[in-house]
Amino acid sequence: MRYLIDTQYYDESKGAVLFYAGNEGDVWTFYNNSGFMTTTLAQNLSAAVVFAEHRYYGKSMPFGNESFSGKEHLRFLSVEQVMQDYQKLIGSLST
């Protein structure tokens, strides 16, 4: 899973972490079109911003070119699976 971290306005002593759960597309597309979150909110909250790319979208293909080739691969395209991805990502970033 690809992800981006923007710490331009982050102040570790008081800042928040804003998490953007990926949509059906490339993580850079959403990052480049989310100025309110990456500038206004981040600056006002002294926040870091984390953007996560949703599995099966953008370049986060769990089985490469075969990701959409059958039920055995598509069974991992679910809300529960992607929420586990986000949980693991947040957990790994907080250590």
PDB file of N, CA and C in Angstrom:
ATOM      1  N   MET A   1       0.843  -1.173   0.000  1.00  0.00           N
ATOM      2  CA  MET A   1       0.000   0.000   0.000  1.00  0.00           C
ATOM      3  C   MET A   1       0.890   1.239   0.000  1.00  0.00           C
ATOM      4  N   ARG A   2       0.552   2.140  -0.912  1.00  0.00           N
ATOM      5  CA  ARG A   2       1.296   3.395  -0.938  1.00  0.00           C
ATOM      6  C   ARG A   2       0.633   4.388   0.007  1.00  0.00           C
ATOM      7  N   TYR A   3       1.461   5.256   0.564  1.00  0.00           N
ATOM      8  CA  TYR A   3       0.940   6.314   1.419  1.00  0.00           C
ATOM      9  C   TYR A   3       1.866   7.520   1.350  1.00  0.00           C
ATOM     10  N   LEU A   4       1.332   8.676   1.688  1.00  0.00           N
ATOM     11  CA  LEU A   4       2.095   9.919   1.705  1.00  0.00           C
ATOM     12  C   LEU A   4       1.967  10.545   3.077  1.00  0.00           C
ATOM     13  N   ILE A   5       3.034  11.184   3.531  1.00  0.00           N
ATOM     14  CA  ILE A   5       3.001  11.902   4.806  1.00  0.00           C
ATOM     15  C   ILE A   5       3.475  13.326   4.551  1.00  0.00           C
ATOM     16  N   ASP A   6       2.663  14.283   4.924  1.00  0.00           N
ATOM     17  CA  ASP A   6       3.008  15.696   4.784  1.00  0.00           C
ATOM     18  C   ASP A   6       3.146  16.285   6.186  1.00  0.00           C
ATOM     19  N   THR A   7       4.359  16.665   6.546  1.00  0.00           N
ATOM     20  CA  THR A   7       4.618  17.219   7.886  1.00  0.00           C
ATOM     21  C   THR A   7       5.012  18.692   7.828  1.00  0.00           C
ATOM     22  N   GLN A   8       4.671  19.345   6.735  1.00  0.00           N
ATOM     23  CA  GLN A   8       5.064  20.744   6.538  1.00  0.00           C
ATOM     24  C   GLN A   8       4.652  21.642   7.706  1.00  0.00           C
ATOM     25  N   TYR A   9       3.459  21.438   8.260  1.00  0.00           N
ATOM     26  CA  TYR A   9       2.959  22.300   9.333  1.00  0.00           C
ATOM     27  C   TYR A   9       2.934  21.596  10.690  1.00  0.00           C
ATOM     28  N   TYR A  10       3.491  20.406  10.760  1.00  0.00           N
ATOM     29  CA  TYR A  10       3.381  19.606  11.977  1.00  0.00           C
ATOM     30  C   TYR A  10       4.239  20.147  13.113  1.00  0.00           C
ATOM     31  N   ASP A  11       3.620  20.261  14.270  1.00  0.00           N
ATOM     32  CA  ASP A  11       4.307  20.625  15.509  1.00  0.00           C
ATOM     33  C   ASP A  11       4.048  19.482  16.478  1.00  0.00           C
ATOM     34  N   GLU A  12       5.056  18.673  16.709  1.00  0.00           N
ATOM     35  CA  GLU A  12       4.909  17.463  17.521  1.00  0.00           C
ATOM     36  C   GLU A  12       4.392  17.749  18.928  1.00  0.00           C
ATOM     37  N   SER A  13       4.678  18.912  19.470  1.00  0.00           N
ATOM     38  CA  SER A  13       4.265  19.222  20.841  1.00  0.00           C
ATOM     39  C   SER A  13       2.775  19.505  20.973  1.00  0.00           C
ATOM     40  N   LYS A  14       2.120  19.884  19.893  1.00  0.00           N
ATOM     41  CA  LYS A  14       0.693  20.215  20.006  1.00  0.00           C
ATOM     42  C   LYS A  14      -0.140  19.791  18.811  1.00  0.00           C
ATOM     43  N   GLY A  15       0.484  19.281  17.780  1.00  0.00           N
ATOM     44  CA  GLY A  15      -0.218  19.000  16.533  1.00  0.00           C
ATOM     45  C   GLY A  15      -0.997  17.705  16.524  1.00  0.00           C
ATOM     46  N   ALA A  16      -1.954  17.684  15.618  1.00  0.00           N
ATOM     47  CA  ALA A  16      -2.783  16.499  15.382  1.00  0.00           C
ATOM     48  C   ALA A  16      -2.211  15.732  14.188  1.00  0.00           C
ATOM     49  N   VAL A  17      -2.775  14.572  13.953  1.00  0.00           N
ATOM     50  CA  VAL A  17      -2.476  13.830  12.737  1.00  0.00           C
ATOM     51  C   VAL A  17      -3.807  13.636  12.028  1.00  0.00           C
ATOM     52  N   LEU A  18      -3.888  14.132  10.805  1.00  0.00           N
ATOM     53  CA  LEU A  18      -5.081  13.983   9.988  1.00  0.00           C
ATOM     54  C   LEU A  18      -4.866  12.806   9.052  1.00  0.00           C
ATOM     55  N   PHE A  19      -5.847  11.909   8.985  1.00  0.00           N
ATOM     56  CA  PHE A  19      -5.719  10.712   8.157  1.00  0.00           C
ATOM     57  C   PHE A  19      -6.748  10.766   7.043  1.00  0.00           C
ATOM     58  N   TYR A  20      -6.289  10.634   5.822  1.00  0.00           N
ATOM     59  CA  TYR A  20      -7.152  10.628   4.648  1.00  0.00           C
ATOM     60  C   TYR A  20      -7.229   9.202   4.138  1.00  0.00           C
ATOM     61  N   ALA A  21      -8.400   8.588   4.274  1.00  0.00           N
ATOM     62  CA  ALA A  21      -8.609   7.220   3.809  1.00  0.00           C
ATOM     63  C   ALA A  21      -8.789   7.244   2.296  1.00  0.00           C
ATOM     64  N   GLY A  22      -7.988   6.466   1.593  1.00  0.00           N
ATOM     65  CA  GLY A  22      -7.970   6.480   0.142  1.00  0.00           C
ATOM     66  C   GLY A  22      -9.301   6.196  -0.520  1.00  0.00           C
ATOM     67  N   ASN A  23      -9.448   6.760  -1.683  1.00  0.00           N
ATOM     68  CA  ASN A  23     -10.625   6.561  -2.519  1.00  0.00           C
ATOM     69  C   ASN A  23     -10.262   5.642  -3.668  1.00  0.00           C
ATOM     70  N   GLU A  24     -11.115   5.613  -4.649  1.00  0.00           N
ATOM     71  CA  GLU A  24     -10.915   4.738  -5.790  1.00  0.00           C
ATOM     72  C   GLU A  24     -10.022   5.419  -6.824  1.00  0.00           C
ATOM     73  N   GLY A  25      -8.742   5.589  -6.486  1.00  0.00           N
ATOM     74  CA  GLY A  25      -7.810   6.217  -7.402  1.00  0.00           C
ATOM     75  C   GLY A  25      -6.420   6.296  -6.825  1.00  0.00           C
ATOM     76  N   ASP A  26      -5.568   6.977  -7.544  1.00  0.00           N
ATOM     77  CA  ASP A  26      -4.176   7.143  -7.172  1.00  0.00           C
ATOM     78  C   ASP A  26      -4.036   8.099  -5.987  1.00  0.00           C
ATOM     79  N   VAL A  27      -3.190   7.771  -5.038  1.00  0.00           N
ATOM     80  CA  VAL A  27      -3.001   8.571  -3.827  1.00  0.00           C
ATOM     81  C   VAL A  27      -2.538   9.993  -4.158  1.00  0.00           C
ATOM     82  N   TRP A  28      -1.715  10.133  -5.194  1.00  0.00           N
ATOM     83  CA  TRP A  28      -1.229  11.467  -5.561  1.00  0.00           C
ATOM     84  C   TRP A  28      -2.344  12.352  -6.091  1.00  0.00           C
ATOM     85  N   THR A  29      -3.317  11.781  -6.781  1.00  0.00           N
ATOM     86  CA  THR A  29      -4.444  12.569  -7.280  1.00  0.00           C
ATOM     87  C   THR A  29      -5.205  13.191  -6.127  1.00  0.00           C
ATOM     88  N   PHE A  30      -5.465  12.428  -5.101  1.00  0.00           N
ATOM     89  CA  PHE A  30      -6.208  12.948  -3.959  1.00  0.00           C
ATOM     90  C   PHE A  30      -5.376  13.936  -3.156  1.00  0.00           C
ATOM     91  N   TYR A  31      -4.103  13.647  -3.015  1.00  0.00           N
ATOM     92  CA  TYR A  31      -3.226  14.575  -2.300  1.00  0.00           C
ATOM     93  C   TYR A  31      -3.171  15.929  -3.026  1.00  0.00           C
ATOM     94  N   ASN A  32      -2.981  15.890  -4.317  1.00  0.00           N
ATOM     95  CA  ASN A  32      -2.852  17.121  -5.098  1.00  0.00           C
ATOM     96  C   ASN A  32      -4.150  17.920  -5.194  1.00  0.00           C
ATOM     97  N   ASN A  33      -5.277  17.309  -4.841  1.00  0.00           N
ATOM     98  CA  ASN A  33      -6.565  17.995  -4.912  1.00  0.00           C
ATOM     99  C   ASN A  33      -7.205  18.181  -3.546  1.00  0.00           C
ATOM    100  N   SER A  34      -6.419  18.139  -2.504  1.00  0.00           N
ATOM    101  CA  SER A  34      -6.949  18.259  -1.144  1.00  0.00           C
ATOM    102  C   SER A  34      -6.281  19.410  -0.403  1.00  0.00           C
ATOM    103  N   GLY A  35      -6.191  20.542  -1.053  1.00  0.00           N
ATOM    104  CA  GLY A  35      -5.530  21.701  -0.476  1.00  0.00           C
ATOM    105  C   GLY A  35      -6.127  22.168   0.834  1.00  0.00           C
ATOM    106  N   PHE A  36      -7.443  22.054   0.980  1.00  0.00           N
ATOM    107  CA  PHE A  36      -8.056  22.474   2.239  1.00  0.00           C
ATOM    108  C   PHE A  36      -7.486  21.675   3.401  1.00  0.00           C
ATOM    109  N   MET A  37      -7.307  20.381   3.182  1.00  0.00           N
ATOM    110  CA  MET A  37      -6.787  19.522   4.253  1.00  0.00           C
ATOM    111  C   MET A  37      -5.282  19.713   4.440  1.00  0.00           C
ATOM    112  N   THR A  38      -4.541  19.791   3.336  1.00  0.00           N
ATOM    113  CA  THR A  38      -3.086  19.830   3.425  1.00  0.00           C
ATOM    114  C   THR A  38      -2.537  21.206   3.761  1.00  0.00           C
ATOM    115  N   THR A  39      -3.321  22.237   3.563  1.00  0.00           N
ATOM    116  CA  THR A  39      -2.830  23.574   3.910  1.00  0.00           C
ATOM    117  C   THR A  39      -3.671  24.180   5.025  1.00  0.00           C
ATOM    118  N   THR A  40      -4.924  24.449   4.752  1.00  0.00           N
ATOM    119  CA  THR A  40      -5.752  25.147   5.737  1.00  0.00           C
ATOM    120  C   THR A  40      -5.863  24.381   7.053  1.00  0.00           C
ATOM    121  N   LEU A  41      -6.369  23.160   7.011  1.00  0.00           N
ATOM    122  CA  LEU A  41      -6.543  22.386   8.249  1.00  0.00           C
ATOM    123  C   LEU A  41      -5.198  22.060   8.894  1.00  0.00           C
ATOM    124  N   ALA A  42      -4.263  21.593   8.095  1.00  0.00           N
ATOM    125  CA  ALA A  42      -2.959  21.221   8.649  1.00  0.00           C
ATOM    126  C   ALA A  42      -2.287  22.411   9.324  1.00  0.00           C
ATOM    127  N   GLN A  43      -2.350  23.558   8.690  1.00  0.00           N
ATOM    128  CA  GLN A  43      -1.716  24.737   9.278  1.00  0.00           C
ATOM    129  C   GLN A  43      -2.451  25.185  10.539  1.00  0.00           C
ATOM    130  N   ASN A  44      -3.771  25.225  10.506  1.00  0.00           N
ATOM    131  CA  ASN A  44      -4.550  25.658  11.675  1.00  0.00           C
ATOM    132  C   ASN A  44      -4.409  24.720  12.863  1.00  0.00           C
ATOM    133  N   LEU A  45      -4.190  23.436  12.595  1.00  0.00           N
ATOM    134  CA  LEU A  45      -4.093  22.440  13.666  1.00  0.00           C
ATOM    135  C   LEU A  45      -2.651  22.017  13.962  1.00  0.00           C
ATOM    136  N   SER A  46      -1.696  22.641  13.290  1.00  0.00           N
ATOM    137  CA  SER A  46      -0.286  22.224  13.396  1.00  0.00           C
ATOM    138  C   SER A  46      -0.154  20.724  13.150  1.00  0.00           C
ATOM    139  N   ALA A  47      -0.856  20.249  12.146  1.00  0.00           N
ATOM    140  CA  ALA A  47      -1.035  18.815  11.944  1.00  0.00           C
ATOM    141  C   ALA A  47      -0.143  18.237  10.854  1.00  0.00           C
ATOM    142  N   ALA A  48       0.127  16.969  11.021  1.00  0.00           N
ATOM    143  CA  ALA A  48       0.681  16.148   9.946  1.00  0.00           C
ATOM    144  C   ALA A  48      -0.510  15.564   9.200  1.00  0.00           C
ATOM    145  N   VAL A  49      -0.333  15.296   7.921  1.00  0.00           N
ATOM    146  CA  VAL A  49      -1.399  14.704   7.125  1.00  0.00           C
ATOM    147  C   VAL A  49      -0.879  13.409   6.517  1.00  0.00           C
ATOM    148  N   VAL A  50      -1.647  12.335   6.698  1.00  0.00           N
ATOM    149  CA  VAL A  50      -1.294  11.033   6.140  1.00  0.00           C
ATOM    150  C   VAL A  50      -2.373  10.657   5.129  1.00  0.00           C
ATOM    151  N   PHE A  51      -1.960  10.377   3.905  1.00  0.00           N
ATOM    152  CA  PHE A  51      -2.857   9.916   2.846  1.00  0.00           C
ATOM    153  C   PHE A  51      -2.533   8.458   2.564  1.00  0.00           C
ATOM    154  N   ALA A  52      -3.533   7.604   2.592  1.00  0.00           N
ATOM    155  CA  ALA A  52      -3.333   6.189   2.304  1.00  0.00           C
ATOM    156  C   ALA A  52      -4.038   5.827   1.000  1.00  0.00           C
ATOM    157  N   GLU A  53      -3.393   5.006   0.200  1.00  0.00           N
ATOM    158  CA  GLU A  53      -3.997   4.560  -1.049  1.00  0.00           C
ATOM    159  C   GLU A  53      -4.778   3.276  -0.788  1.00  0.00           C
ATOM    160  N   HIS A  54      -6.009   3.259  -1.239  1.00  0.00           N
ATOM    161  CA  HIS A  54      -6.905   2.104  -1.078  1.00  0.00           C
ATOM    162  C   HIS A  54      -6.382   0.933  -1.902  1.00  0.00           C
ATOM    163  N   ARG A  55      -6.364  -0.238  -1.297  1.00  0.00           N
ATOM    164  CA  ARG A  55      -5.932  -1.418  -2.049  1.00  0.00           C
ATOM    165  C   ARG A  55      -6.800  -1.597  -3.291  1.00  0.00           C
ATOM    166  N   TYR A  56      -6.218  -2.082  -4.344  1.00  0.00           N
ATOM    167  CA  TYR A  56      -6.817  -2.296  -5.659  1.00  0.00           C
ATOM    168  C   TYR A  56      -6.995  -1.012  -6.458  1.00  0.00           C
ATOM    169  N   TYR A  57      -6.481   0.099  -5.972  1.00  0.00           N
ATOM    170  CA  TYR A  57      -6.586   1.356  -6.705  1.00  0.00           C
ATOM    171  C   TYR A  57      -5.213   2.000  -6.785  1.00  0.00           C
ATOM    172  N   GLY A  58      -5.055   2.909  -7.739  1.00  0.00           N
ATOM    173  CA  GLY A  58      -3.747   3.517  -7.937  1.00  0.00           C
ATOM    174  C   GLY A  58      -2.745   2.427  -8.276  1.00  0.00           C
ATOM    175  N   LYS A  59      -1.643   2.400  -7.548  1.00  0.00           N
ATOM    176  CA  LYS A  59      -0.623   1.375  -7.769  1.00  0.00           C
ATOM    177  C   LYS A  59      -0.592   0.340  -6.653  1.00  0.00           C
ATOM    178  N   SER A  60      -1.568   0.381  -5.761  1.00  0.00           N
ATOM    179  CA  SER A  60      -1.625  -0.565  -4.639  1.00  0.00           C
ATOM    180  C   SER A  60      -2.405  -1.816  -5.043  1.00  0.00           C
ATOM    181  N   MET A  61      -1.827  -2.588  -5.924  1.00  0.00           N
ATOM    182  CA  MET A  61      -2.450  -3.805  -6.435  1.00  0.00           C
ATOM    183  C   MET A  61      -1.839  -5.003  -5.719  1.00  0.00           C
ATOM    184  N   PRO A  62      -2.614  -5.662  -4.875  1.00  0.00           N
ATOM    185  CA  PRO A  62      -2.044  -6.745  -4.058  1.00  0.00           C
ATOM    186  C   PRO A  62      -1.526  -7.939  -4.860  1.00  0.00           C
ATOM    187  N   PHE A  63      -2.049  -8.139  -6.077  1.00  0.00           N
ATOM    188  CA  PHE A  63      -1.596  -9.246  -6.913  1.00  0.00           C
ATOM    189  C   PHE A  63      -1.066  -8.753  -8.258  1.00  0.00           C
ATOM    190  N   GLY A  64      -0.560  -7.524  -8.271  1.00  0.00           N
ATOM    191  CA  GLY A  64      -0.018  -6.961  -9.506  1.00  0.00           C
ATOM    192  C   GLY A  64      -1.055  -6.936 -10.612  1.00  0.00           C
ATOM    193  N   ASN A  65      -0.654  -7.299 -11.811  1.00  0.00           N
ATOM    194  CA  ASN A  65      -1.563  -7.292 -12.962  1.00  0.00           C
ATOM    195  C   ASN A  65      -2.682  -8.319 -12.844  1.00  0.00           C
ATOM    196  N   GLU A  66      -2.560  -9.239 -11.931  1.00  0.00           N
ATOM    197  CA  GLU A  66      -3.570 -10.294 -11.751  1.00  0.00           C
ATOM    198  C   GLU A  66      -4.621  -9.925 -10.694  1.00  0.00           C
ATOM    199  N   SER A  67      -4.581  -8.737 -10.149  1.00  0.00           N
ATOM    200  CA  SER A  67      -5.445  -8.348  -9.029  1.00  0.00           C
ATOM    201  C   SER A  67      -6.934  -8.492  -9.320  1.00  0.00           C
ATOM    202  N   PHE A  68      -7.341  -8.316 -10.569  1.00  0.00           N
ATOM    203  CA  PHE A  68      -8.763  -8.411 -10.919  1.00  0.00           C
ATOM    204  C   PHE A  68      -9.078  -9.676 -11.712  1.00  0.00           C
ATOM    205  N   SER A  69      -8.222 -10.681 -11.611  1.00  0.00           N
ATOM    206  CA  SER A  69      -8.341 -11.847 -12.484  1.00  0.00           C
ATOM    207  C   SER A  69      -9.253 -12.957 -11.969  1.00  0.00           C
ATOM    208  N   GLY A  70      -9.854 -12.807 -10.823  1.00  0.00           N
ATOM    209  CA  GLY A  70     -10.746 -13.867 -10.375  1.00  0.00           C
ATOM    210  C   GLY A  70     -11.190 -13.683  -8.940  1.00  0.00           C
ATOM    211  N   LYS A  71     -12.172 -14.500  -8.549  1.00  0.00           N
ATOM    212  CA  LYS A  71     -12.734 -14.399  -7.198  1.00  0.00           C
ATOM    213  C   LYS A  71     -11.691 -14.592  -6.108  1.00  0.00           C
ATOM    214  N   GLU A  72     -10.709 -15.464  -6.366  1.00  0.00           N
ATOM    215  CA  GLU A  72      -9.703 -15.719  -5.331  1.00  0.00           C
ATOM    216  C   GLU A  72      -8.914 -14.457  -4.988  1.00  0.00           C
ATOM    217  N   HIS A  73      -8.776 -13.530  -5.926  1.00  0.00           N
ATOM    218  CA  HIS A  73      -8.081 -12.274  -5.657  1.00  0.00           C
ATOM    219  C   HIS A  73      -9.044 -11.183  -5.197  1.00  0.00           C
ATOM    220  N   LEU A  74     -10.221 -11.157  -5.778  1.00  0.00           N
ATOM    221  CA  LEU A  74     -11.180 -10.097  -5.445  1.00  0.00           C
ATOM    222  C   LEU A  74     -11.784 -10.248  -4.052  1.00  0.00           C
ATOM    223  N   ARG A  75     -11.629 -11.396  -3.449  1.00  0.00           N
ATOM    224  CA  ARG A  75     -12.185 -11.575  -2.097  1.00  0.00           C
ATOM    225  C   ARG A  75     -11.502 -10.657  -1.079  1.00  0.00           C
ATOM    226  N   PHE A  76     -10.360 -10.098  -1.447  1.00  0.00           N
ATOM    227  CA  PHE A  76      -9.645  -9.181  -0.568  1.00  0.00           C
ATOM    228  C   PHE A  76     -10.035  -7.718  -0.792  1.00  0.00           C
ATOM    229  N   LEU A  77     -10.988  -7.492  -1.693  1.00  0.00           N
ATOM    230  CA  LEU A  77     -11.476  -6.142  -1.958  1.00  0.00           C
ATOM    231  C   LEU A  77     -12.756  -5.941  -1.151  1.00  0.00           C
ATOM    232  N   SER A  78     -12.569  -5.585   0.125  1.00  0.00           N
ATOM    233  CA  SER A  78     -13.718  -5.404   1.015  1.00  0.00           C
ATOM    234  C   SER A  78     -13.420  -4.278   2.000  1.00  0.00           C
ATOM    235  N   VAL A  79     -14.457  -3.740   2.571  1.00  0.00           N
ATOM    236  CA  VAL A  79     -14.303  -2.682   3.569  1.00  0.00           C
ATOM    237  C   VAL A  79     -13.492  -3.199   4.747  1.00  0.00           C
ATOM    238  N   GLU A  80     -13.779  -4.404   5.193  1.00  0.00           N
ATOM    239  CA  GLU A  80     -13.069  -4.970   6.340  1.00  0.00           C
ATOM    240  C   GLU A  80     -11.571  -5.082   6.068  1.00  0.00           C
ATOM    241  N   GLN A  81     -11.222  -5.526   4.860  1.00  0.00           N
ATOM    242  CA  GLN A  81      -9.809  -5.681   4.512  1.00  0.00           C
ATOM    243  C   GLN A  81      -9.094  -4.331   4.475  1.00  0.00           C
ATOM    244  N   VAL A  82      -9.722  -3.348   3.850  1.00  0.00           N
ATOM    245  CA  VAL A  82      -9.053  -2.047   3.738  1.00  0.00           C
ATOM    246  C   VAL A  82      -8.954  -1.366   5.101  1.00  0.00           C
ATOM    247  N   MET A  83      -9.930  -1.561   5.960  1.00  0.00           N
ATOM    248  CA  MET A  83      -9.845  -0.985   7.305  1.00  0.00           C
ATOM    249  C   MET A  83      -8.690  -1.617   8.086  1.00  0.00           C
ATOM    250  N   GLN A  84      -8.461  -2.895   7.867  1.00  0.00           N
ATOM    251  CA  GLN A  84      -7.304  -3.540   8.497  1.00  0.00           C
ATOM    252  C   GLN A  84      -5.996  -2.966   7.944  1.00  0.00           C
ATOM    253  N   ASP A  85      -5.975  -2.669   6.631  1.00  0.00           N
ATOM    254  CA  ASP A  85      -4.795  -2.020   6.052  1.00  0.00           C
ATOM    255  C   ASP A  85      -4.519  -0.703   6.761  1.00  0.00           C
ATOM    256  N   TYR A  86      -5.561   0.112   6.916  1.00  0.00           N
ATOM    257  CA  TYR A  86      -5.393   1.429   7.539  1.00  0.00           C
ATOM    258  C   TYR A  86      -4.963   1.297   8.996  1.00  0.00           C
ATOM    259  N   GLN A  87      -5.536   0.322   9.693  1.00  0.00           N
ATOM    260  CA  GLN A  87      -5.158   0.096  11.088  1.00  0.00           C
ATOM    261  C   GLN A  87      -3.679  -0.263  11.191  1.00  0.00           C
ATOM    262  N   LYS A  88      -3.212  -1.142  10.319  1.00  0.00           N
ATOM    263  CA  LYS A  88      -1.799  -1.546  10.338  1.00  0.00           C
ATOM    264  C   LYS A  88      -0.890  -0.376   9.971  1.00  0.00           C
ATOM    265  N   LEU A  89      -1.311   0.411   8.978  1.00  0.00           N
ATOM    266  CA  LEU A  89      -0.496   1.556   8.589  1.00  0.00           C
ATOM    267  C   LEU A  89      -0.374   2.559   9.732  1.00  0.00           C
ATOM    268  N   ILE A  90      -1.481   2.912  10.340  1.00  0.00           N
ATOM    269  CA  ILE A  90      -1.448   3.864  11.449  1.00  0.00           C
ATOM    270  C   ILE A  90      -0.618   3.322  12.607  1.00  0.00           C
ATOM    271  N   GLY A  91      -0.787   2.037  12.899  1.00  0.00           N
ATOM    272  CA  GLY A  91       0.006   1.410  13.965  1.00  0.00           C
ATOM    273  C   GLY A  91       1.489   1.442  13.668  1.00  0.00           C
ATOM    274  N   SER A  92       1.858   1.191  12.431  1.00  0.00           N
ATOM    275  CA  SER A  92       3.286   1.186  12.089  1.00  0.00           C
ATOM    276  C   SER A  92       3.878   2.577  12.101  1.00  0.00           C
ATOM    277  N   LEU A  93       3.079   3.590  11.794  1.00  0.00           N
ATOM    278  CA  LEU A  93       3.574   4.963  11.799  1.00  0.00           C
ATOM    279  C   LEU A  93       3.679   5.544  13.194  1.00  0.00           C
ATOM    280  N   SER A  94       2.934   4.996  14.131  1.00  0.00           N
ATOM    281  CA  SER A  94       2.921   5.565  15.479  1.00  0.00           C
ATOM    282  C   SER A  94       4.023   4.992  16.365  1.00  0.00           C
ATOM    283  N   THR A  95       4.823   4.083  15.848  1.00  0.00           N
ATOM    284  CA  THR A  95       5.907   3.534  16.661  1.00  0.00           C
ATOM    285  C   THR A  95       7.209   4.219  16.402  1.00  0.00           C
TER     286      THR A  95
END
